[in-house]
Amino acid sequence: MPRPAKLFVCAIAALLLACLASPPAFAKNQHVKNRLTWDFDGDHKADLAVGAVQGSTFTIQVQLSNGHGRILLKTKFHGHVIPHLIATDVDQDNKVDLVLTGVSFRPLAVWINEGHGKFKKRSGWFFPPL
């Protein structure tokens, strides 16, 4: 099977897994906003990131596919619009990072993927204008 076709099949399978997976225990009393599947630790298997809101706190739980890791990331946000979680490579190092966005173009929080599923929150991240 050609590489683009394999990537498409993997993306569809990951989306199906994210839709069918039940929310993690930490999100039972929270409003689950996002579920993202991506290879966050570089093992070529889909991992699951779930973003949930409780009050003014946005919590992200990343469950690694190997079953040996669970990462909790938290940040506070202000306003009435619930933020949205995006997986993208903002620092162009070929590792997918996590970005929390609101209604403006400015990110509310950026977590840089340092490899093997380890994230570090960055403050003052600047996106150049398009």
C-alpha atoms as a PDB file:
ATOM      1  CA  MET A   1       0.000   0.000   0.000  1.00  0.00           C
ATOM      2  CA  PRO A   2       1.432   3.465  -0.873  1.00  0.00           C
ATOM      3  CA  ARG A   3       2.569   5.614   2.064  1.00  0.00           C
ATOM      4  CA  PRO A   4      -0.216   8.278   1.672  1.00  0.00           C
ATOM      5  CA  ALA A   5      -2.836   5.530   1.719  1.00  0.00           C
ATOM      6  CA  LYS A   6      -1.320   4.018   4.881  1.00  0.00           C
ATOM      7  CA  LEU A   7      -1.339   7.421   6.591  1.00  0.00           C
ATOM      8  CA  PHE A   8      -4.975   7.934   5.602  1.00  0.00           C
ATOM      9  CA  VAL A   9      -5.975   4.514   6.972  1.00  0.00           C
ATOM     10  CA  CYS A  10      -4.077   5.202  10.227  1.00  0.00           C
ATOM     11  CA  ALA A  11      -5.753   8.609  10.581  1.00  0.00           C
ATOM     12  CA  ILE A  12      -9.228   7.119  10.092  1.00  0.00           C
ATOM     13  CA  ALA A  13      -8.488   4.338  12.614  1.00  0.00           C
ATOM     14  CA  ALA A  14      -7.199   6.883  15.149  1.00  0.00           C
ATOM     15  CA  LEU A  15     -10.312   9.052  14.744  1.00  0.00           C
ATOM     16  CA  LEU A  16     -12.560   6.037  15.215  1.00  0.00           C
ATOM     17  CA  LEU A  17     -10.644   5.043  18.358  1.00  0.00           C
ATOM     18  CA  ALA A  18     -10.946   8.574  19.764  1.00  0.00           C
ATOM     19  CA  CYS A  19     -14.693   8.679  19.116  1.00  0.00           C
ATOM     20  CA  LEU A  20     -15.359   5.304  20.707  1.00  0.00           C
ATOM     21  CA  ALA A  21     -13.046   5.640  23.700  1.00  0.00           C
ATOM     22  CA  SER A  22     -14.723   6.536  26.963  1.00  0.00           C
ATOM     23  CA  PRO A  23     -13.497   9.638  28.788  1.00  0.00           C
ATOM     24  CA  PRO A  24     -10.779   8.994  31.368  1.00  0.00           C
ATOM     25  CA  ALA A  25     -11.714   8.911  35.052  1.00  0.00           C
ATOM     26  CA  PHE A  26     -10.355  12.419  35.685  1.00  0.00           C
ATOM     27  CA  ALA A  27     -12.904  13.861  33.239  1.00  0.00           C
ATOM     28  CA  LYS A  28     -16.066  12.325  34.683  1.00  0.00           C
ATOM     29  CA  ASN A  29     -17.048  15.504  36.553  1.00  0.00           C
ATOM     30  CA  GLN A  30     -15.701  17.834  33.885  1.00  0.00           C
ATOM     31  CA  HIS A  31     -16.788  18.987  30.462  1.00  0.00           C
ATOM     32  CA  VAL A  32     -14.741  17.003  27.919  1.00  0.00           C
ATOM     33  CA  LYS A  33     -13.853  19.420  25.142  1.00  0.00           C
ATOM     34  CA  ASN A  34     -11.360  17.569  22.962  1.00  0.00           C
ATOM     35  CA  ARG A  35     -10.061  14.129  22.175  1.00  0.00           C
ATOM     36  CA  LEU A  36      -6.961  13.964  19.998  1.00  0.00           C
ATOM     37  CA  THR A  37      -5.090  10.921  18.797  1.00  0.00           C
ATOM     38  CA  TRP A  38      -1.512  11.323  17.666  1.00  0.00           C
ATOM     39  CA  ASP A  39       1.881   9.701  18.127  1.00  0.00           C
ATOM     40  CA  PHE A  40       3.118  11.884  21.007  1.00  0.00           C
ATOM     41  CA  ASP A  41       5.973   9.598  22.102  1.00  0.00           C
ATOM     42  CA  GLY A  42       7.478   8.608  18.732  1.00  0.00           C
ATOM     43  CA  ASP A  43       6.666   4.872  18.855  1.00  0.00           C
ATOM     44  CA  HIS A  44       4.526   5.044  15.656  1.00  0.00           C
ATOM     45  CA  LYS A  45       1.366   4.134  17.598  1.00  0.00           C
ATOM     46  CA  ALA A  46      -1.553   6.454  18.304  1.00  0.00           C
ATOM     47  CA  ASP A  47      -1.679   7.981  21.778  1.00  0.00           C
ATOM     48  CA  LEU A  48      -4.753   9.708  23.211  1.00  0.00           C
ATOM     49  CA  ALA A  49      -4.955  13.271  24.569  1.00  0.00           C
ATOM     50  CA  VAL A  50      -8.197  14.307  26.273  1.00  0.00           C
ATOM     51  CA  GLY A  51      -8.851  17.936  27.150  1.00  0.00           C
ATOM     52  CA  ALA A  52     -11.465  18.748  29.776  1.00  0.00           C
ATOM     53  CA  VAL A  53     -12.738  21.906  31.481  1.00  0.00           C
ATOM     54  CA  GLN A  54     -13.705  22.353  35.113  1.00  0.00           C
ATOM     55  CA  GLY A  55     -14.355  25.924  36.146  1.00  0.00           C
ATOM     56  CA  SER A  56     -11.481  28.005  34.796  1.00  0.00           C
ATOM     57  CA  THR A  57      -9.012  25.115  34.589  1.00  0.00           C
ATOM     58  CA  PHE A  58      -8.274  23.232  31.369  1.00  0.00           C
ATOM     59  CA  THR A  59      -6.757  19.807  32.040  1.00  0.00           C
ATOM     60  CA  ILE A  60      -5.150  17.595  29.405  1.00  0.00           C
ATOM     61  CA  GLN A  61      -4.491  13.939  30.034  1.00  0.00           C
ATOM     62  CA  VAL A  62      -2.193  12.186  27.559  1.00  0.00           C
ATOM     63  CA  GLN A  63      -2.445   8.388  27.645  1.00  0.00           C
ATOM     64  CA  LEU A  64       0.469   6.735  25.858  1.00  0.00           C
ATOM     65  CA  SER A  65      -0.242   3.658  23.738  1.00  0.00           C
ATOM     66  CA  ASN A  66       2.332   1.530  25.555  1.00  0.00           C
ATOM     67  CA  GLY A  67       0.206   1.747  28.714  1.00  0.00           C
ATOM     68  CA  HIS A  68       3.201   2.911  30.760  1.00  0.00           C
ATOM     69  CA  GLY A  69       2.543   6.594  30.825  1.00  0.00           C
ATOM     70  CA  ARG A  70      -0.113   9.078  31.702  1.00  0.00           C
ATOM     71  CA  ILE A  71       0.689  12.763  31.577  1.00  0.00           C
ATOM     72  CA  LEU A  72      -1.435  15.505  33.162  1.00  0.00           C
ATOM     73  CA  LEU A  73      -1.079  19.074  31.887  1.00  0.00           C
ATOM     74  CA  LYS A  74      -3.082  21.952  33.399  1.00  0.00           C
ATOM     75  CA  THR A  75      -3.577  25.635  32.788  1.00  0.00           C
ATOM     76  CA  LYS A  76      -5.988  28.364  33.884  1.00  0.00           C
ATOM     77  CA  PHE A  77      -8.009  30.362  31.366  1.00  0.00           C
ATOM     78  CA  HIS A  78     -10.280  33.380  31.594  1.00  0.00           C
ATOM     79  CA  GLY A  79     -13.388  34.229  29.641  1.00  0.00           C
ATOM     80  CA  HIS A  80     -16.670  32.643  28.688  1.00  0.00           C
ATOM     81  CA  VAL A  81     -15.529  30.771  25.584  1.00  0.00           C
ATOM     82  CA  ILE A  82     -14.203  27.275  26.239  1.00  0.00           C
ATOM     83  CA  PRO A  83     -10.707  26.831  24.755  1.00  0.00           C
ATOM     84  CA  HIS A  84      -9.902  24.309  22.061  1.00  0.00           C
ATOM     85  CA  LEU A  85      -6.938  21.907  22.054  1.00  0.00           C
ATOM     86  CA  ILE A  86      -4.846  21.496  18.890  1.00  0.00           C
ATOM     87  CA  ALA A  87      -1.991  19.094  18.127  1.00  0.00           C
ATOM     88  CA  THR A  88       0.597  20.645  15.793  1.00  0.00           C
ATOM     89  CA  ASP A  89       4.366  20.969  15.467  1.00  0.00           C
ATOM     90  CA  VAL A  90       4.819  24.636  16.422  1.00  0.00           C
ATOM     91  CA  ASP A  91       8.593  24.549  16.845  1.00  0.00           C
ATOM     92  CA  GLN A  92       9.208  22.474  13.683  1.00  0.00           C
ATOM     93  CA  ASP A  93      11.243  19.740  15.385  1.00  0.00           C
ATOM     94  CA  ASN A  94       9.105  16.858  13.983  1.00  0.00           C
ATOM     95  CA  LYS A  95       7.449  16.247  17.365  1.00  0.00           C
ATOM     96  CA  VAL A  96       3.771  17.146  17.762  1.00  0.00           C
ATOM     97  CA  ASP A  97       3.147  19.835  20.382  1.00  0.00           C
ATOM     98  CA  LEU A  98      -0.110  20.779  22.128  1.00  0.00           C
ATOM     99  CA  VAL A  99      -1.628  24.261  21.787  1.00  0.00           C
ATOM    100  CA  LEU A 100      -4.648  25.588  23.659  1.00  0.00           C
ATOM    101  CA  THR A 101      -6.452  28.307  21.718  1.00  0.00           C
ATOM    102  CA  GLY A 102      -9.356  30.603  22.436  1.00  0.00           C
ATOM    103  CA  VAL A 103     -11.207  32.993  20.154  1.00  0.00           C
ATOM    104  CA  SER A 104      -8.147  35.104  19.361  1.00  0.00           C
ATOM    105  CA  PHE A 105      -5.163  34.104  17.263  1.00  0.00           C
ATOM    106  CA  ARG A 106      -2.974  34.183  20.370  1.00  0.00           C
ATOM    107  CA  PRO A 107      -2.503  30.783  22.028  1.00  0.00           C
ATOM    108  CA  LEU A 108      -3.612  30.507  25.661  1.00  0.00           C
ATOM    109  CA  ALA A 109      -0.994  27.851  26.403  1.00  0.00           C
ATOM    110  CA  VAL A 110       1.677  25.915  24.487  1.00  0.00           C
ATOM    111  CA  TRP A 111       3.212  22.634  25.599  1.00  0.00           C
ATOM    112  CA  ILE A 112       6.346  21.693  23.652  1.00  0.00           C
ATOM    113  CA  ASN A 113       6.854  17.967  23.082  1.00  0.00           C
ATOM    114  CA  GLU A 114      10.418  17.238  24.179  1.00  0.00           C
ATOM    115  CA  GLY A 115      10.240  13.650  22.914  1.00  0.00           C
ATOM    116  CA  HIS A 116       9.107  10.293  24.309  1.00  0.00           C
ATOM    117  CA  GLY A 117       5.818  11.851  25.466  1.00  0.00           C
ATOM    118  CA  LYS A 118       7.357  14.498  27.727  1.00  0.00           C
ATOM    119  CA  PHE A 119       5.888  18.002  27.479  1.00  0.00           C
ATOM    120  CA  LYS A 120       7.122  21.348  28.816  1.00  0.00           C
ATOM    121  CA  LYS A 121       4.815  24.356  29.094  1.00  0.00           C
ATOM    122  CA  ARG A 122       6.165  27.423  27.315  1.00  0.00           C
ATOM    123  CA  SER A 123       5.163  30.936  28.204  1.00  0.00           C
ATOM    124  CA  GLY A 124       5.331  33.907  25.912  1.00  0.00           C
ATOM    125  CA  TRP A 125       5.126  31.844  22.744  1.00  0.00           C
ATOM    126  CA  PHE A 126       4.979  34.046  19.655  1.00  0.00           C
ATOM    127  CA  PHE A 127       3.334  33.080  16.364  1.00  0.00           C
ATOM    128  CA  PRO A 128       4.384  35.331  13.487  1.00  0.00           C
ATOM    129  CA  PRO A 129       1.506  36.887  11.496  1.00  0.00           C
ATOM    130  CA  LEU A 130       0.323  34.988   8.421  1.00  0.00           C
END
